[in-house]
C-alpha cells in the first residue's frame, strides 16, 4: 500500500522535474518475470527507470541510502521506498552473490528486476563490457531480458553532485531478448559470456555509446 500511495505522489513530481521522453514501453512484458538491463550514467537512473516503466520494477540500492541521515538521507530513503527498491551491501564477492540471490527471488516471484550489467556508473560516458551476472539471472530464471538505454541522467545528477537538477532525460526500452540456445546453461561460463555480450550489444545500439574495454574478461559477478 505504501508503494501505491507513494508512487501517486512521487511519479508526478519526477515527471515534472525530468520531463522524460519514453520510447518502447510496449516492449516491456506486463506480467511474468523479466530483467530490464540498462546502461548506467547516474545515481538517478534507479529512480528514472522505475518511474517510466509500465510496471513495477525492483532495483537494488546501496544499503547506505536507507540508513544515512540528514535531509539528503531522508530524500533518498523516501524515493527508493516509494519505488520499491531493496537495500543491498556492496564491495565483497559474498555481497555480490547475495545481490544476485535477491534478484532471483524477485524473478521467481514473477516480478521485473532492473540491473546495470556494467556493474557501476560510467565516469566518461562510454559503455563498459557487461559482467555476466545478468546472464546468470536470465538463464537461471529462464526469463527475457529487455535492453534499456538512458540518456541525459548524467546531467541531472553528475557524479559528486549532492542534489539532482531539473533536466530532460530519455529512456528507450528495446525488444525483449530470449536465449533458447543457452537454456539450462547458467553454470557455463561461455554461455554466460555470450548471453551477456548479446545483451550489451543491444544496449550499445540503443544508447549509441562508445564501447570501452570490451576486449577484457570481467568478473562474473553482477
Foldseek 3Di string as FASTA:
>chain_A
DLLVVLLVVPLVVVCVQAVEAEADLVQDDAWAEEEEEEAAADPCVVQVVCSPHPYQEEEEDAQCLCVDDDPLSVVSNSRNVNSHYHHFHDDDPVRLVVRLVVSLVQRVVTHYYYDYQCNDHDQPQAGEQGALSVVLSCQVSVHWYKYKYKPDQCQQAPPPRSHGGRYHMYMYTHHTDGDPVCHPPSVPPVSSNVVSRVSVVVNCVVHVHHYDHNVDHDHNGD
